Amino acid sequence: MELTHRQLPAFIASLFVHVCLLVALGVWWTRPHHGTGDEPDREIGIAIVHRQKDQTRYVDAADMATEATQKSQAVGEPTQSTLSAPPADLAQPLDLAGILQSMQSTPSPMASSGLAGDVALSGAALGGDGGQDTETKPNDTTTMVFGVSGSGSRFVYVFDRSDSMNGTGGRPLRAAKRELIRSLQSLGERQQFQIIFYNDKPTPFQLSGMPTQLYRGETETIERAIRYVDSINAFGGTEHDSALKMALRMSPDVIFFLTDARIPRLSGSELFEIQRRADSNGTTIHAIEFGTDFAAPSVSFLRELASMNGGQYQYVNTHQLGSPALGSPASGNE
C-alpha cells in the first residue's frame, strides 16, 4: 500500500507513539518487584511457644539467645583466658632433689629372722620399746620369758592352759608356770602386769573386789599372783583370739604369748585385727611356741604374729624342758 503525502505524517506519529509505549512497557516489566504493594515487607524469625494451662506465650529465639549470653556473662562464665590460666589451688612443684636427699640421709630399718636373740628385729627396730633410739621412760624395765626380752612398764602374760599342755608328763605346763613366776618376780612397784590363762575361754588374774585390770607389781600383789599361777591346771580346748583381744584391751606395752597349739591357728583376718589393735596401743607381741619337733617349724602363725607386731618368736622343744640351756636365745634359732 502506498502512502500519500497527506497520510505520511500521521503514520510517523502513530509509529512513534507505539514505540514509546513498547519501550515503557519493557522498562516496567523488567524492574524488580518489592512486596505485594498492600503493606511493607517484614523480616521473619523463629518463635518458641510456651504452652501453659491458662495461656500460650510466644518467645523470639533470638531474644532468648541474647538473654542467655547476658546471664552467662553476669555469673562469670569462664572465658578463653580464664580457661588457660592454672587453678588457684595448684600445689607448688615437688622438690624432687630435696626429697631424694632426705631419703638418702634417713637410715633404713634393719631386717632379720625375728627369732629370739636376733637384736636387729627387736621391738625397737619396728617402733617398739627397748632400742637405742627409743626414749626410756622412768617406769620402764626389761623382763624375760624363755629367752625373749620385753621392755616397758605394762606387761600382760597370755599363757595356754589347754589339755595339750599336760603332754610329755606335764612338763610344758610346769615349765611355763615356772618361767612366768620368774618373770613376775623381776617386776617392781613401778610396773604393772596382768596374767591371762586360757583354754576355751580366757581366765584373768583378779584381786577380790576389783575389776579385771593391770595391777601394780607391789610385793603383796606379786605373791597373790604367784599363788594364782600355782593353782592353774590344764584342761579343755584352745581358743587364742579372745585371750589376745582381752589382753589388748588393757593397752599394755608388751604381751608375752605362749602356746603349744598350732591348730587351730589364727586366721589372716584375726591376725590383721590383732595387728590393728596392737598398733593403736603401741603394743609389742612376743610369741613363744612349745612343740615336740627338734627344730622350729618353717611356717607358723605364731611366727607371723610376732613379726606383724614388732616382737620376737621363740621355739621351745618340750623334750628339752628342764635342761641347762633352757631359755637361751640360741634355742629359737635352731
Protein backbone atom coordinates (compact mmCIF):
# COMPACT_ATOMS: atom_id res chain seq x y z
CA MET A 1 0.00 0.00 0.00
CA GLU A 2 1.48 3.31 -0.91
CA LEU A 3 1.10 6.25 1.39
CA THR A 4 0.17 9.57 0.06
CA HIS A 5 1.83 12.77 1.11
CA ARG A 6 -1.16 13.57 3.31
CA GLN A 7 -1.08 10.18 5.18
CA LEU A 8 2.70 10.02 5.85
CA PRO A 9 2.89 12.42 8.84
CA ALA A 10 0.05 10.59 10.61
CA PHE A 11 1.75 7.24 10.11
CA ILE A 12 5.05 8.50 11.50
CA ALA A 13 3.32 9.93 14.55
CA SER A 14 1.46 6.66 15.19
CA LEU A 15 4.66 4.64 14.86
CA PHE A 16 6.48 6.89 17.34
CA VAL A 17 3.67 6.57 19.86
CA HIS A 18 3.66 2.75 19.61
CA VAL A 19 7.45 2.53 20.00
CA CYS A 20 7.32 4.71 23.12
CA LEU A 21 4.58 2.52 24.57
CA LEU A 22 6.56 -0.65 23.89
CA VAL A 23 9.71 0.81 25.48
CA ALA A 24 7.76 1.94 28.57
CA LEU A 25 6.11 -1.48 28.88
CA GLY A 26 9.52 -3.21 28.67
CA VAL A 27 11.05 -1.00 31.34
CA TRP A 28 8.13 -1.62 33.70
CA TRP A 29 8.25 -5.39 33.14
CA THR A 30 11.98 -5.74 33.83
CA ARG A 31 12.21 -3.65 37.07
CA PRO A 32 12.39 -5.62 40.45
CA HIS A 33 9.18 -6.14 42.44
CA HIS A 34 9.05 -5.17 46.17
CA GLY A 35 6.26 -6.87 48.10
CA THR A 36 2.67 -7.06 47.21
CA GLY A 37 2.08 -3.37 47.42
CA ASP A 38 -0.58 -3.78 50.08
CA GLU A 39 1.73 -3.34 53.10
CA PRO A 40 5.52 -3.21 53.70
CA ASP A 41 7.50 -6.47 53.93
CA ARG A 42 8.85 -7.60 57.34
CA GLU A 43 11.74 -9.87 58.41
CA ILE A 44 10.84 -13.36 59.50
CA GLY A 45 12.22 -15.30 62.53
CA ILE A 46 11.72 -18.36 64.81
CA ALA A 47 9.32 -18.16 67.69
CA ILE A 48 9.27 -20.65 70.63
CA VAL A 49 5.86 -21.44 72.05
CA HIS A 50 5.39 -21.90 75.83
CA ARG A 51 2.03 -23.54 76.43
CA GLN A 52 0.62 -23.35 79.95
CA LYS A 53 -2.75 -24.26 81.37
CA ASP A 54 -4.19 -20.76 81.19
CA GLN A 55 -2.16 -19.10 78.42
CA THR A 56 0.12 -19.54 75.42
CA ARG A 57 3.26 -17.39 75.24
CA TYR A 58 5.49 -16.83 72.15
CA VAL A 59 9.16 -16.02 72.65
CA ASP A 60 11.58 -14.95 69.92
CA ALA A 61 14.53 -17.39 69.76
CA ALA A 62 16.93 -14.53 69.06
CA ASP A 63 15.85 -12.77 72.25
CA MET A 64 16.39 -15.98 74.25
CA ALA A 65 19.94 -16.35 72.88
CA THR A 66 20.76 -12.76 73.80
CA GLU A 67 19.36 -13.23 77.32
CA ALA A 68 21.38 -16.43 77.85
CA THR A 69 24.59 -14.66 76.79
CA GLN A 70 23.95 -11.82 79.23
CA LYS A 71 23.27 -14.28 82.11
CA SER A 72 26.46 -16.25 81.43
CA GLN A 73 28.50 -13.05 81.50
CA ALA A 74 26.78 -11.95 84.73
CA VAL A 75 27.67 -15.19 86.60
CA GLY A 76 31.25 -15.12 85.35
CA GLU A 77 31.25 -17.99 82.87
CA PRO A 78 34.92 -18.86 82.13
CA THR A 79 36.40 -17.18 79.14
CA GLN A 80 39.29 -18.38 76.98
CA SER A 81 41.77 -16.51 79.17
CA THR A 82 40.43 -17.98 82.42
CA LEU A 83 40.37 -21.49 80.96
CA SER A 84 44.01 -21.24 80.01
CA ALA A 85 45.06 -19.93 83.45
CA PRO A 86 46.29 -22.51 86.07
CA PRO A 87 43.98 -23.35 89.04
CA ALA A 88 44.35 -21.06 92.05
CA ASP A 89 44.98 -24.01 94.41
CA LEU A 90 47.61 -25.67 92.23
CA ALA A 91 50.37 -27.02 94.51
CA GLN A 92 53.92 -25.91 94.06
CA PRO A 93 56.19 -28.28 92.09
CA LEU A 94 57.74 -31.06 94.20
CA ASP A 95 61.33 -30.58 95.21
CA LEU A 96 62.45 -34.00 93.97
CA ALA A 97 66.11 -33.30 94.66
CA GLY A 98 65.35 -32.36 98.28
CA ILE A 99 63.15 -35.42 98.81
CA LEU A 100 65.84 -37.74 97.43
CA GLN A 101 68.47 -36.18 99.68
CA SER A 102 66.19 -36.62 102.72
CA MET A 103 65.57 -40.30 101.86
CA GLN A 104 69.28 -40.96 101.46
CA SER A 105 70.09 -39.32 104.80
CA THR A 106 67.44 -41.36 106.71
CA PRO A 107 68.73 -44.74 107.99
CA SER A 108 66.77 -47.78 106.78
CA PRO A 109 65.30 -50.24 109.34
CA MET A 110 67.24 -53.47 109.77
CA ALA A 111 65.63 -56.78 108.84
CA SER A 112 66.18 -60.25 110.23
CA SER A 113 64.53 -63.55 111.04
CA GLY A 114 62.60 -62.30 114.06
CA LEU A 115 63.79 -65.15 116.24
CA ALA A 116 64.58 -64.53 119.88
CA GLY A 117 68.09 -63.24 120.36
CA ASP A 118 68.13 -61.59 116.92
CA VAL A 119 68.62 -57.99 118.02
CA ALA A 120 68.08 -56.47 114.55
CA LEU A 121 64.36 -57.33 114.60
CA SER A 122 63.59 -56.47 118.19
CA GLY A 123 60.66 -54.32 119.19
CA ALA A 124 62.88 -51.25 118.84
CA ALA A 125 63.65 -51.86 115.17
CA LEU A 126 59.95 -51.88 114.40
CA GLY A 127 58.93 -49.00 116.62
CA GLY A 128 58.64 -50.86 119.94
CA ASP A 129 60.45 -50.29 123.21
CA GLY A 130 63.98 -51.20 124.19
CA GLY A 131 66.02 -49.82 121.25
CA GLN A 132 68.86 -47.34 121.36
CA ASP A 133 66.76 -44.68 119.60
CA THR A 134 63.76 -45.15 121.90
CA GLU A 135 63.44 -42.86 124.86
CA THR A 136 63.42 -44.85 128.10
CA LYS A 137 60.59 -43.92 130.45
CA PRO A 138 61.20 -43.70 134.21
CA ASN A 139 58.98 -46.72 134.98
CA ASP A 140 60.35 -48.97 132.23
CA THR A 141 62.10 -52.24 132.94
CA THR A 142 63.08 -55.34 130.99
CA THR A 143 61.87 -58.83 131.79
CA MET A 144 62.29 -62.17 130.02
CA VAL A 145 60.25 -65.28 129.20
CA PHE A 146 62.14 -68.25 127.70
CA GLY A 147 64.90 -66.01 126.41
CA VAL A 148 62.56 -63.41 124.88
CA SER A 149 63.04 -59.99 126.46
CA GLY A 150 60.41 -57.28 126.58
CA SER A 151 60.85 -53.69 127.79
CA GLY A 152 58.19 -51.37 129.13
CA SER A 153 56.14 -50.73 132.23
CA ARG A 154 52.89 -52.55 131.36
CA PHE A 155 53.07 -56.33 130.78
CA VAL A 156 50.42 -58.95 130.03
CA TYR A 157 51.21 -62.67 130.05
CA VAL A 158 48.83 -64.74 127.86
CA PHE A 159 49.54 -68.44 128.52
CA ASP A 160 47.87 -71.56 127.12
CA ARG A 161 46.30 -73.91 129.69
CA SER A 162 44.55 -76.32 127.29
CA ASP A 163 44.77 -80.10 127.79
CA SER A 164 47.71 -80.44 125.37
CA MET A 165 49.91 -78.62 127.91
CA ASN A 166 49.71 -81.83 130.01
CA GLY A 167 51.73 -83.71 127.39
CA THR A 168 55.25 -85.06 127.92
CA GLY A 169 54.47 -85.90 131.53
CA GLY A 170 53.05 -82.43 132.26
CA ARG A 171 56.40 -80.72 131.68
CA PRO A 172 55.05 -77.99 129.34
CA LEU A 173 52.64 -76.55 131.91
CA ARG A 174 55.14 -76.83 134.77
CA ALA A 175 57.88 -75.12 132.77
CA ALA A 176 55.51 -72.35 131.63
CA LYS A 177 54.39 -71.63 135.18
CA ARG A 178 57.97 -71.66 136.47
CA GLU A 179 59.13 -69.21 133.78
CA LEU A 180 56.12 -66.93 134.37
CA ILE A 181 56.80 -66.73 138.12
CA ARG A 182 60.45 -65.88 137.43
CA SER A 183 59.37 -63.00 135.17
CA LEU A 184 56.83 -61.70 137.71
CA GLN A 185 59.50 -61.60 140.41
CA SER A 186 61.62 -59.29 138.25
CA LEU A 187 58.91 -56.58 138.28
CA GLY A 188 58.74 -53.76 140.79
CA GLU A 189 56.15 -51.35 142.13
CA ARG A 190 56.58 -49.03 139.16
CA GLN A 191 55.49 -51.72 136.71
CA GLN A 192 52.00 -53.09 136.05
CA PHE A 193 51.04 -56.60 134.96
CA GLN A 194 48.19 -58.99 134.23
CA ILE A 195 48.10 -62.78 133.71
CA ILE A 196 45.60 -64.45 131.38
CA PHE A 197 45.49 -68.25 131.25
CA TYR A 198 43.20 -69.55 128.52
CA ASN A 199 41.76 -72.72 127.01
CA ASP A 200 38.26 -72.47 125.50
CA LYS A 201 37.97 -69.09 127.20
CA PRO A 202 40.35 -66.66 128.92
CA THR A 203 40.67 -66.51 132.71
CA PRO A 204 42.48 -63.41 134.00
CA PHE A 205 44.12 -62.94 137.39
CA GLN A 206 41.77 -60.90 139.58
CA LEU A 207 42.06 -59.46 143.05
CA SER A 208 38.99 -59.80 145.26
CA GLY A 209 36.54 -56.94 144.83
CA MET A 210 38.49 -55.35 141.96
CA PRO A 211 37.74 -55.33 138.21
CA THR A 212 39.92 -57.07 135.65
CA GLN A 213 42.78 -54.66 135.05
CA LEU A 214 46.52 -54.20 135.21
CA TYR A 215 47.90 -54.41 138.77
CA ARG A 216 50.99 -52.77 140.19
CA GLY A 217 53.92 -55.05 140.96
CA GLU A 218 53.73 -54.50 144.70
CA THR A 219 55.15 -57.29 146.86
CA GLU A 220 51.80 -58.48 148.20
CA THR A 221 50.17 -58.40 144.74
CA ILE A 222 53.05 -60.39 143.23
CA GLU A 223 52.70 -63.00 145.98
CA ARG A 224 48.98 -63.37 145.25
CA ALA A 225 49.71 -63.64 141.53
CA ILE A 226 52.23 -66.43 142.19
CA ARG A 227 49.65 -68.37 144.21
CA TYR A 228 47.19 -67.92 141.33
CA VAL A 229 49.74 -69.30 138.84
CA ASP A 230 50.47 -72.31 141.10
CA SER A 231 46.73 -73.15 141.20
CA ILE A 232 46.33 -73.39 137.41
CA ASN A 233 45.53 -76.78 135.84
CA ALA A 234 45.43 -77.66 132.13
CA PHE A 235 42.23 -78.92 130.51
CA GLY A 236 39.84 -78.20 127.62
CA GLY A 237 40.34 -76.95 124.10
CA THR A 238 42.13 -73.91 122.67
CA GLU A 239 40.81 -70.51 121.54
CA HIS A 240 43.58 -67.94 121.03
CA ASP A 241 41.73 -64.92 119.64
CA SER A 242 39.58 -63.94 122.63
CA ALA A 243 42.53 -64.17 125.05
CA LEU A 244 44.73 -61.91 122.93
CA LYS A 245 41.96 -59.37 122.46
CA MET A 246 41.30 -59.31 126.20
CA ALA A 247 44.99 -58.53 126.72
CA LEU A 248 44.97 -55.77 124.08
CA ARG A 249 42.01 -54.05 125.75
CA MET A 250 44.36 -53.22 128.62
CA SER A 251 46.75 -51.34 126.29
CA PRO A 252 49.98 -52.97 127.52
CA ASP A 253 53.46 -52.18 126.29
CA VAL A 254 54.33 -55.88 125.92
CA ILE A 255 52.40 -59.13 125.56
CA PHE A 256 54.13 -62.48 126.10
CA PHE A 257 52.02 -65.07 124.27
CA LEU A 258 52.76 -68.76 124.89
CA THR A 259 51.03 -71.81 123.41
CA ASP A 260 51.74 -75.30 122.13
CA ALA A 261 48.75 -75.31 119.77
CA ARG A 262 49.49 -74.85 116.07
CA ILE A 263 45.92 -75.90 115.39
CA PRO A 264 43.58 -74.10 115.50
CA ARG A 265 45.68 -71.30 114.01
CA LEU A 266 44.73 -67.66 113.93
CA SER A 267 43.23 -66.78 110.56
CA GLY A 268 44.54 -63.99 108.36
CA SER A 269 41.66 -61.68 109.30
CA GLU A 270 42.23 -62.37 113.02
CA LEU A 271 45.94 -61.63 112.67
CA PHE A 272 45.26 -58.32 110.92
CA GLU A 273 42.68 -57.29 113.52
CA ILE A 274 45.14 -58.07 116.32
CA GLN A 275 47.79 -56.05 114.48
CA ARG A 276 45.40 -53.10 114.10
CA ARG A 277 44.65 -53.06 117.83
CA ALA A 278 48.28 -53.52 118.79
CA ASP A 279 49.34 -50.64 116.53
CA SER A 280 46.75 -48.31 118.08
CA ASN A 281 48.04 -49.21 121.57
CA GLY A 282 51.74 -49.28 120.72
CA THR A 283 51.87 -52.90 121.92
CA THR A 284 54.66 -55.34 121.10
CA ILE A 285 53.66 -59.02 120.97
CA HIS A 286 56.28 -61.72 121.57
CA ALA A 287 55.36 -65.33 120.73
CA ILE A 288 56.73 -68.47 122.40
CA GLU A 289 55.80 -71.78 120.77
CA PHE A 290 56.07 -75.14 122.54
CA GLY A 291 56.50 -78.20 120.35
CA THR A 292 57.89 -81.73 120.19
CA ASP A 293 59.86 -81.26 116.95
CA PHE A 294 63.61 -80.88 117.18
CA ALA A 295 63.62 -77.65 115.11
CA ALA A 296 61.21 -74.73 114.84
CA PRO A 297 58.60 -75.07 112.07
CA SER A 298 59.26 -73.02 108.96
CA VAL A 299 55.61 -71.97 108.78
CA SER A 300 53.76 -70.95 111.93
CA PHE A 301 51.07 -68.40 112.68
CA LEU A 302 52.99 -67.59 115.85
CA ARG A 303 55.99 -66.52 113.79
CA GLU A 304 53.63 -64.30 111.74
CA LEU A 305 52.04 -62.89 114.90
CA ALA A 306 55.39 -61.82 116.32
CA SER A 307 56.65 -60.41 113.01
CA MET A 308 53.49 -58.37 112.42
CA ASN A 309 53.64 -56.82 115.89
CA GLY A 310 57.31 -55.93 116.31
CA GLY A 311 58.05 -58.90 118.54
CA GLN A 312 60.35 -61.90 118.77
CA TYR A 313 59.47 -65.53 118.08
CA GLN A 314 60.89 -68.31 120.24
CA TYR A 315 60.52 -72.06 119.70
CA VAL A 316 60.96 -74.40 122.69
CA ASN A 317 61.35 -78.15 122.27
CA THR A 318 59.35 -79.59 125.17
CA HIS A 319 61.59 -82.69 125.27
CA GLN A 320 64.42 -80.39 126.38
CA LEU A 321 62.47 -78.58 129.09
CA GLY A 322 64.47 -78.52 132.30
CA SER A 323 67.86 -78.73 130.55
CA PRO A 324 70.56 -76.17 131.47
CA ALA A 325 70.26 -74.47 128.06
CA LEU A 326 66.55 -73.78 128.52
CA GLY A 327 65.68 -70.16 127.94
CA SER A 328 68.84 -69.45 125.97
CA PRO A 329 68.24 -67.17 122.98
CA ALA A 330 70.06 -69.67 120.76
CA SER A 331 67.24 -72.21 121.25
CA GLY A 332 65.00 -70.11 119.00
CA ASN A 333 67.49 -70.15 116.13
CA GLU A 334 67.56 -73.87 115.52
